[in-house]
């Protein structure tokens, strides 16, 4: 089969349903106005502004959250702001398995008993 000239392809109904189901569990947050669904399992933060961090993690902490990944430049004031709130909300993140942070490590990270992957990038 050649796919080079094809713009579309057929997908089996079951695969389509699976792709939609998995897609509904992931969310990319890049603006503070975005509402994080409480059923989201994987959150990726693209812009580390204070408002976006609060929107993504604190306004409606998803109880089923499995992955929290930050991408973008480290914003010192945003991390200082988030760190205390993260420690306060750690009990609602007990299912977290993946945690990628741009700076700093909350003291309560030891309470995440299901955490398997931890990555902390420290600015030089």
C-alpha atoms as a PDB file:
ATOM      1  CA  UNK A   1       0.000   0.000   0.000  1.00  0.00           C
ATOM      2  CA  UNK A   2       1.162   3.490  -0.754  1.00  0.00           C
ATOM      3  CA  UNK A   3       0.139   6.355   1.495  1.00  0.00           C
ATOM      4  CA  UNK A   4       2.162   9.163  -0.054  1.00  0.00           C
ATOM      5  CA  UNK A   5      -0.671  10.543  -2.186  1.00  0.00           C
ATOM      6  CA  UNK A   6      -3.458   9.926   0.335  1.00  0.00           C
ATOM      7  CA  UNK A   7      -4.921  12.777   2.335  1.00  0.00           C
ATOM      8  CA  UNK A   8      -7.370  10.655   4.276  1.00  0.00           C
ATOM      9  CA  UNK A   9      -7.578   7.089   5.439  1.00  0.00           C
ATOM     10  CA  UNK A  10     -10.188   4.776   6.880  1.00  0.00           C
ATOM     11  CA  UNK A  11     -10.168   3.826  10.519  1.00  0.00           C
ATOM     12  CA  UNK A  12     -12.046   0.950  12.093  1.00  0.00           C
ATOM     13  CA  UNK A  13     -14.901   2.098  14.342  1.00  0.00           C
ATOM     14  CA  UNK A  14     -13.355   0.446  17.395  1.00  0.00           C
ATOM     15  CA  UNK A  15     -10.015   2.179  16.844  1.00  0.00           C
ATOM     16  CA  UNK A  16     -11.806   5.493  16.352  1.00  0.00           C
ATOM     17  CA  UNK A  17     -13.721   5.022  19.607  1.00  0.00           C
ATOM     18  CA  UNK A  18     -10.519   4.102  21.455  1.00  0.00           C
ATOM     19  CA  UNK A  19      -8.688   7.151  20.090  1.00  0.00           C
ATOM     20  CA  UNK A  20     -11.528   9.437  21.179  1.00  0.00           C
ATOM     21  CA  UNK A  21     -11.679   7.871  24.637  1.00  0.00           C
ATOM     22  CA  UNK A  22      -7.934   8.281  25.202  1.00  0.00           C
ATOM     23  CA  UNK A  23      -7.995  11.792  23.734  1.00  0.00           C
ATOM     24  CA  UNK A  24     -10.643  12.856  26.224  1.00  0.00           C
ATOM     25  CA  UNK A  25      -8.278  11.991  29.091  1.00  0.00           C
ATOM     26  CA  UNK A  26      -5.535  14.413  27.984  1.00  0.00           C
ATOM     27  CA  UNK A  27      -5.457  18.213  28.059  1.00  0.00           C
ATOM     28  CA  UNK A  28      -2.977  20.843  26.961  1.00  0.00           C
ATOM     29  CA  UNK A  29      -3.248  24.053  28.986  1.00  0.00           C
ATOM     30  CA  UNK A  30      -1.742  27.209  27.544  1.00  0.00           C
ATOM     31  CA  UNK A  31      -4.039  29.987  28.732  1.00  0.00           C
ATOM     32  CA  UNK A  32      -5.431  30.888  32.161  1.00  0.00           C
ATOM     33  CA  UNK A  33      -8.997  30.871  30.902  1.00  0.00           C
ATOM     34  CA  UNK A  34      -8.952  27.140  30.193  1.00  0.00           C
ATOM     35  CA  UNK A  35     -11.066  24.991  32.457  1.00  0.00           C
ATOM     36  CA  UNK A  36      -9.455  21.703  33.459  1.00  0.00           C
ATOM     37  CA  UNK A  37     -12.019  18.928  33.365  1.00  0.00           C
ATOM     38  CA  UNK A  38     -12.175  16.930  36.594  1.00  0.00           C
ATOM     39  CA  UNK A  39     -11.941  13.664  34.596  1.00  0.00           C
ATOM     40  CA  UNK A  40      -8.635  14.609  32.948  1.00  0.00           C
ATOM     41  CA  UNK A  41      -5.826  12.145  33.637  1.00  0.00           C
ATOM     42  CA  UNK A  42      -2.918  13.844  31.856  1.00  0.00           C
ATOM     43  CA  UNK A  43      -2.213  17.600  31.934  1.00  0.00           C
ATOM     44  CA  UNK A  44       0.559  19.340  30.019  1.00  0.00           C
ATOM     45  CA  UNK A  45       1.296  22.976  30.839  1.00  0.00           C
ATOM     46  CA  UNK A  46       2.886  24.917  27.993  1.00  0.00           C
ATOM     47  CA  UNK A  47       3.051  28.407  29.475  1.00  0.00           C
ATOM     48  CA  UNK A  48       4.299  28.553  33.058  1.00  0.00           C
ATOM     49  CA  UNK A  49       2.706  31.861  33.954  1.00  0.00           C
ATOM     50  CA  UNK A  50       1.228  32.112  37.419  1.00  0.00           C
ATOM     51  CA  UNK A  51      -2.307  32.328  36.052  1.00  0.00           C
ATOM     52  CA  UNK A  52      -1.947  29.242  33.862  1.00  0.00           C
ATOM     53  CA  UNK A  53      -0.485  27.180  36.710  1.00  0.00           C
ATOM     54  CA  UNK A  54      -3.320  28.156  39.020  1.00  0.00           C
ATOM     55  CA  UNK A  55      -5.885  27.376  36.342  1.00  0.00           C
ATOM     56  CA  UNK A  56      -4.406  23.990  35.560  1.00  0.00           C
ATOM     57  CA  UNK A  57      -3.770  22.611  38.995  1.00  0.00           C
ATOM     58  CA  UNK A  58      -5.504  24.557  41.703  1.00  0.00           C
ATOM     59  CA  UNK A  59      -8.854  25.876  40.559  1.00  0.00           C
ATOM     60  CA  UNK A  60     -10.257  22.410  39.921  1.00  0.00           C
ATOM     61  CA  UNK A  61      -7.721  19.758  40.859  1.00  0.00           C
ATOM     62  CA  UNK A  62      -8.587  16.631  38.882  1.00  0.00           C
ATOM     63  CA  UNK A  63      -8.837  13.728  41.324  1.00  0.00           C
ATOM     64  CA  UNK A  64      -7.854  11.206  38.642  1.00  0.00           C
ATOM     65  CA  UNK A  65      -4.748  13.109  37.505  1.00  0.00           C
ATOM     66  CA  UNK A  66      -1.948  10.709  36.552  1.00  0.00           C
ATOM     67  CA  UNK A  67       0.507  13.026  34.740  1.00  0.00           C
ATOM     68  CA  UNK A  68       1.497  16.646  35.314  1.00  0.00           C
ATOM     69  CA  UNK A  69       4.090  17.971  32.859  1.00  0.00           C
ATOM     70  CA  UNK A  70       5.382  21.549  32.557  1.00  0.00           C
ATOM     71  CA  UNK A  71       6.934  22.913  29.369  1.00  0.00           C
ATOM     72  CA  UNK A  72       8.172  26.435  28.939  1.00  0.00           C
ATOM     73  CA  UNK A  73      10.403  28.913  30.663  1.00  0.00           C
ATOM     74  CA  UNK A  74      10.791  28.882  34.407  1.00  0.00           C
ATOM     75  CA  UNK A  75       8.974  31.784  36.025  1.00  0.00           C
ATOM     76  CA  UNK A  76      10.308  32.217  39.602  1.00  0.00           C
ATOM     77  CA  UNK A  77       7.301  34.054  41.005  1.00  0.00           C
ATOM     78  CA  UNK A  78       4.940  31.493  39.517  1.00  0.00           C
ATOM     79  CA  UNK A  79       6.810  28.596  41.131  1.00  0.00           C
ATOM     80  CA  UNK A  80       6.957  30.293  44.564  1.00  0.00           C
ATOM     81  CA  UNK A  81       3.237  30.897  44.278  1.00  0.00           C
ATOM     82  CA  UNK A  82       2.488  27.338  43.206  1.00  0.00           C
ATOM     83  CA  UNK A  83       4.787  25.550  45.641  1.00  0.00           C
ATOM     84  CA  UNK A  84       2.759  26.335  48.760  1.00  0.00           C
ATOM     85  CA  UNK A  85      -0.522  25.530  47.028  1.00  0.00           C
ATOM     86  CA  UNK A  86       0.916  22.313  45.579  1.00  0.00           C
ATOM     87  CA  UNK A  87       1.904  21.181  49.080  1.00  0.00           C
ATOM     88  CA  UNK A  88      -1.598  22.008  50.277  1.00  0.00           C
ATOM     89  CA  UNK A  89      -3.296  20.076  47.468  1.00  0.00           C
ATOM     90  CA  UNK A  90      -1.034  17.031  47.418  1.00  0.00           C
ATOM     91  CA  UNK A  91      -3.722  14.869  49.039  1.00  0.00           C
ATOM     92  CA  UNK A  92      -5.928  15.337  45.975  1.00  0.00           C
ATOM     93  CA  UNK A  93      -3.093  14.212  43.671  1.00  0.00           C
ATOM     94  CA  UNK A  94      -2.524  10.793  45.237  1.00  0.00           C
ATOM     95  CA  UNK A  95      -2.888   8.984  41.896  1.00  0.00           C
ATOM     96  CA  UNK A  96      -0.134  11.027  40.240  1.00  0.00           C
ATOM     97  CA  UNK A  97       2.438   8.793  38.518  1.00  0.00           C
ATOM     98  CA  UNK A  98       4.364  11.288  36.352  1.00  0.00           C
ATOM     99  CA  UNK A  99       5.581  14.675  37.586  1.00  0.00           C
ATOM    100  CA  UNK A 100       7.806  16.903  35.410  1.00  0.00           C
ATOM    101  CA  UNK A 101       8.582  20.298  36.930  1.00  0.00           C
ATOM    102  CA  UNK A 102      10.661  23.173  35.616  1.00  0.00           C
ATOM    103  CA  UNK A 103      12.011  24.263  38.971  1.00  0.00           C
ATOM    104  CA  UNK A 104      11.920  23.242  42.599  1.00  0.00           C
ATOM    105  CA  UNK A 105      10.475  20.263  44.363  1.00  0.00           C
ATOM    106  CA  UNK A 106       7.570  20.494  46.789  1.00  0.00           C
ATOM    107  CA  UNK A 107       8.289  19.083  50.249  1.00  0.00           C
ATOM    108  CA  UNK A 108       5.185  16.910  50.101  1.00  0.00           C
ATOM    109  CA  UNK A 109       6.326  14.993  46.994  1.00  0.00           C
ATOM    110  CA  UNK A 110       7.138  12.067  49.301  1.00  0.00           C
ATOM    111  CA  UNK A 111       3.412  11.587  49.878  1.00  0.00           C
ATOM    112  CA  UNK A 112       2.895  10.648  46.220  1.00  0.00           C
ATOM    113  CA  UNK A 113       3.119   6.898  46.756  1.00  0.00           C
ATOM    114  CA  UNK A 114       2.229   6.032  43.145  1.00  0.00           C
ATOM    115  CA  UNK A 115       4.798   8.405  41.617  1.00  0.00           C
ATOM    116  CA  UNK A 116       6.994   6.508  39.147  1.00  0.00           C
ATOM    117  CA  UNK A 117       8.628   9.256  37.095  1.00  0.00           C
ATOM    118  CA  UNK A 118       9.963  12.503  38.500  1.00  0.00           C
ATOM    119  CA  UNK A 119      11.884  15.050  36.455  1.00  0.00           C
ATOM    120  CA  UNK A 120      12.998  18.395  37.829  1.00  0.00           C
ATOM    121  CA  UNK A 121      14.837  20.777  35.505  1.00  0.00           C
ATOM    122  CA  UNK A 122      16.800  23.411  37.381  1.00  0.00           C
ATOM    123  CA  UNK A 123      17.735  26.656  35.645  1.00  0.00           C
ATOM    124  CA  UNK A 124      21.447  27.429  35.788  1.00  0.00           C
END
